[in-house]
C-alpha atoms as a PDB file:
ATOM      1  CA  MET A   1      31.139 -14.533 -12.853  1.00  0.00           C
ATOM      2  CA  PRO A   2      32.068 -11.764 -10.486  1.00  0.00           C
ATOM      3  CA  ASP A   3      32.315 -12.622  -6.774  1.00  0.00           C
ATOM      4  CA  LEU A   4      29.982 -10.504  -4.724  1.00  0.00           C
ATOM      5  CA  SER A   5      30.822  -9.263  -1.220  1.00  0.00           C
ATOM      6  CA  LYS A   6      28.335  -8.907   1.532  1.00  0.00           C
ATOM      7  CA  ASP A   7      28.440  -5.123   1.190  1.00  0.00           C
ATOM      8  CA  GLU A   8      27.871  -5.217  -2.573  1.00  0.00           C
ATOM      9  CA  ILE A   9      24.808  -7.492  -2.198  1.00  0.00           C
ATOM     10  CA  LEU A  10      23.358  -5.397   0.621  1.00  0.00           C
ATOM     11  CA  THR A  11      24.038  -2.147  -1.095  1.00  0.00           C
ATOM     12  CA  GLN A  12      22.464  -3.385  -4.306  1.00  0.00           C
ATOM     13  CA  LEU A  13      19.352  -4.436  -2.585  1.00  0.00           C
ATOM     14  CA  GLY A  14      19.334  -1.412  -0.300  1.00  0.00           C
ATOM     15  CA  LEU A  15      19.413  -3.610   2.885  1.00  0.00           C
ATOM     16  CA  THR A  16      21.049  -3.190   6.159  1.00  0.00           C
ATOM     17  CA  GLU A  17      23.041  -6.011   7.676  1.00  0.00           C
ATOM     18  CA  ASP A  18      20.147  -6.752  10.088  1.00  0.00           C
ATOM     19  CA  GLN A  19      17.735  -6.966   7.152  1.00  0.00           C
ATOM     20  CA  GLY A  20      20.185  -9.232   5.255  1.00  0.00           C
ATOM     21  CA  ARG A  21      20.578 -11.444   8.259  1.00  0.00           C
ATOM     22  CA  ALA A  22      16.766 -11.668   8.743  1.00  0.00           C
ATOM     23  CA  LEU A  23      16.385 -12.453   5.052  1.00  0.00           C
ATOM     24  CA  LEU A  24      18.840 -15.346   5.213  1.00  0.00           C
ATOM     25  CA  GLU A  25      17.371 -16.592   8.449  1.00  0.00           C
ATOM     26  CA  ALA A  26      14.041 -16.703   6.694  1.00  0.00           C
ATOM     27  CA  ALA A  27      15.467 -18.363   3.700  1.00  0.00           C
ATOM     28  CA  SER A  28      16.955 -21.130   5.840  1.00  0.00           C
ATOM     29  CA  ASN A  29      13.559 -21.858   7.255  1.00  0.00           C
ATOM     30  CA  ASN A  30      11.207 -21.296   4.278  1.00  0.00           C
ATOM     31  CA  PRO A  31      12.287 -19.763   0.886  1.00  0.00           C
ATOM     32  CA  MET A  32       8.787 -18.477   0.277  1.00  0.00           C
ATOM     33  CA  GLU A  33       8.840 -16.683   3.607  1.00  0.00           C
ATOM     34  CA  ALA A  34      12.178 -15.109   2.535  1.00  0.00           C
ATOM     35  CA  LEU A  35      10.670 -13.890  -0.683  1.00  0.00           C
ATOM     36  CA  ALA A  36       7.716 -12.298   1.180  1.00  0.00           C
ATOM     37  CA  LEU A  37      10.127 -10.630   3.582  1.00  0.00           C
ATOM     38  CA  LEU A  38      12.268  -9.398   0.782  1.00  0.00           C
ATOM     39  CA  GLN A  39       9.278  -7.706  -0.805  1.00  0.00           C
ATOM     40  CA  THR A  40       8.652  -5.755   2.483  1.00  0.00           C
ATOM     41  CA  PHE A  41      12.099  -4.197   2.014  1.00  0.00           C
ATOM     42  CA  ASN A  42      11.113  -2.871  -1.341  1.00  0.00           C
ATOM     43  CA  PRO A  43      14.334  -3.582  -3.303  1.00  0.00           C
ATOM     44  CA  ASP A  44      15.064  -2.138  -6.743  1.00  0.00           C
ATOM     45  CA  PRO A  45      13.392  -4.620  -9.100  1.00  0.00           C
ATOM     46  CA  ALA A  46      16.257  -4.456 -11.692  1.00  0.00           C
ATOM     47  CA  LYS A  47      18.938  -5.034  -9.044  1.00  0.00           C
ATOM     48  CA  LEU A  48      16.916  -7.844  -7.525  1.00  0.00           C
ATOM     49  CA  GLN A  49      16.486  -9.565 -10.907  1.00  0.00           C
ATOM     50  CA  GLU A  50      20.314  -9.224 -11.564  1.00  0.00           C
ATOM     51  CA  LEU A  51      21.193 -10.684  -8.209  1.00  0.00           C
ATOM     52  CA  MET A  52      18.629 -13.450  -8.443  1.00  0.00           C
ATOM     53  CA  GLY A  53      20.252 -14.530 -11.754  1.00  0.00           C
ATOM     54  CA  LEU A  54      23.604 -14.542 -10.061  1.00  0.00           C
ATOM     55  CA  PHE A  55      22.362 -16.553  -7.070  1.00  0.00           C
ATOM     56  CA  MET A  56      20.631 -19.044  -9.488  1.00  0.00           C
ATOM     57  CA  THR A  57      23.867 -19.731 -11.418  1.00  0.00           C
ATOM     58  CA  ASN A  58      26.168 -19.656  -8.262  1.00  0.00           C
ATOM     59  CA  PRO A  59      24.305 -20.783  -5.110  1.00  0.00           C
ATOM     60  CA  GLN A  60      27.588 -20.653  -3.180  1.00  0.00           C
ATOM     61  CA  ILE A  61      26.884 -16.848  -3.085  1.00  0.00           C
ATOM     62  CA  PHE A  62      24.157 -17.626  -0.396  1.00  0.00           C
ATOM     63  CA  VAL A  63      26.730 -19.612   1.660  1.00  0.00           C
ATOM     64  CA  ASP A  64      29.357 -16.915   1.310  1.00  0.00           C
ATOM     65  CA  LEU A  65      26.866 -14.287   2.382  1.00  0.00           C
ATOM     66  CA  ALA A  66      25.824 -16.332   5.431  1.00  0.00           C
ATOM     67  CA  ILE A  67      29.422 -16.713   6.519  1.00  0.00           C
ATOM     68  CA  SER A  68      30.134 -12.943   6.071  1.00  0.00           C
ATOM     69  CA  LEU A  69      27.040 -12.102   8.155  1.00  0.00           C
ATOM     70  CA  GLY A  70      28.248 -14.218  10.978  1.00  0.00           C
ATOM     71  CA  PHE A  71      25.927 -17.268  10.794  1.00  0.00           C
ATOM     72  CA  THR A  72      26.795 -20.266  12.839  1.00  0.00           C
ATOM     73  CA  GLN A  73      28.403 -23.341  11.318  1.00  0.00           C
ATOM     74  CA  GLU A  74      25.161 -25.223  11.883  1.00  0.00           C
ATOM     75  CA  LYS A  75      23.179 -22.567   9.935  1.00  0.00           C
ATOM     76  CA  ILE A  76      25.813 -22.579   7.182  1.00  0.00           C
ATOM     77  CA  ASP A  77      25.559 -26.383   6.912  1.00  0.00           C
ATOM     78  CA  LYS A  78      21.774 -26.084   6.672  1.00  0.00           C
ATOM     79  CA  PHE A  79      22.170 -23.642   3.785  1.00  0.00           C
ATOM     80  CA  LYS A  80      24.495 -26.053   2.001  1.00  0.00           C
ATOM     81  CA  ALA A  81      22.022 -28.868   2.431  1.00  0.00           C
ATOM     82  CA  LEU A  82      19.137 -26.704   1.102  1.00  0.00           C
ATOM     83  CA  LEU A  83      21.281 -25.753  -1.986  1.00  0.00           C
ATOM     84  CA  GLY A  84      22.375 -29.299  -2.718  1.00  0.00           C
END
């Protein structure tokens, strides 16, 4: 399983750092809201499917992405709790 950097994830989805941060913020509040927001960014469907597979098999990627985007420890702990 390859480790993905913040830049690799954002590049594959065609997102800016601000969009990535907004997406994770939405995911920490409501995963369905995050999916709706992601669709507004119009990501490449094949890249999105590939990344979703990686996220599903390695949820730590979400935590690592949150850390690399500068989220507070409180938000990171919230992600960890959401992911089990």
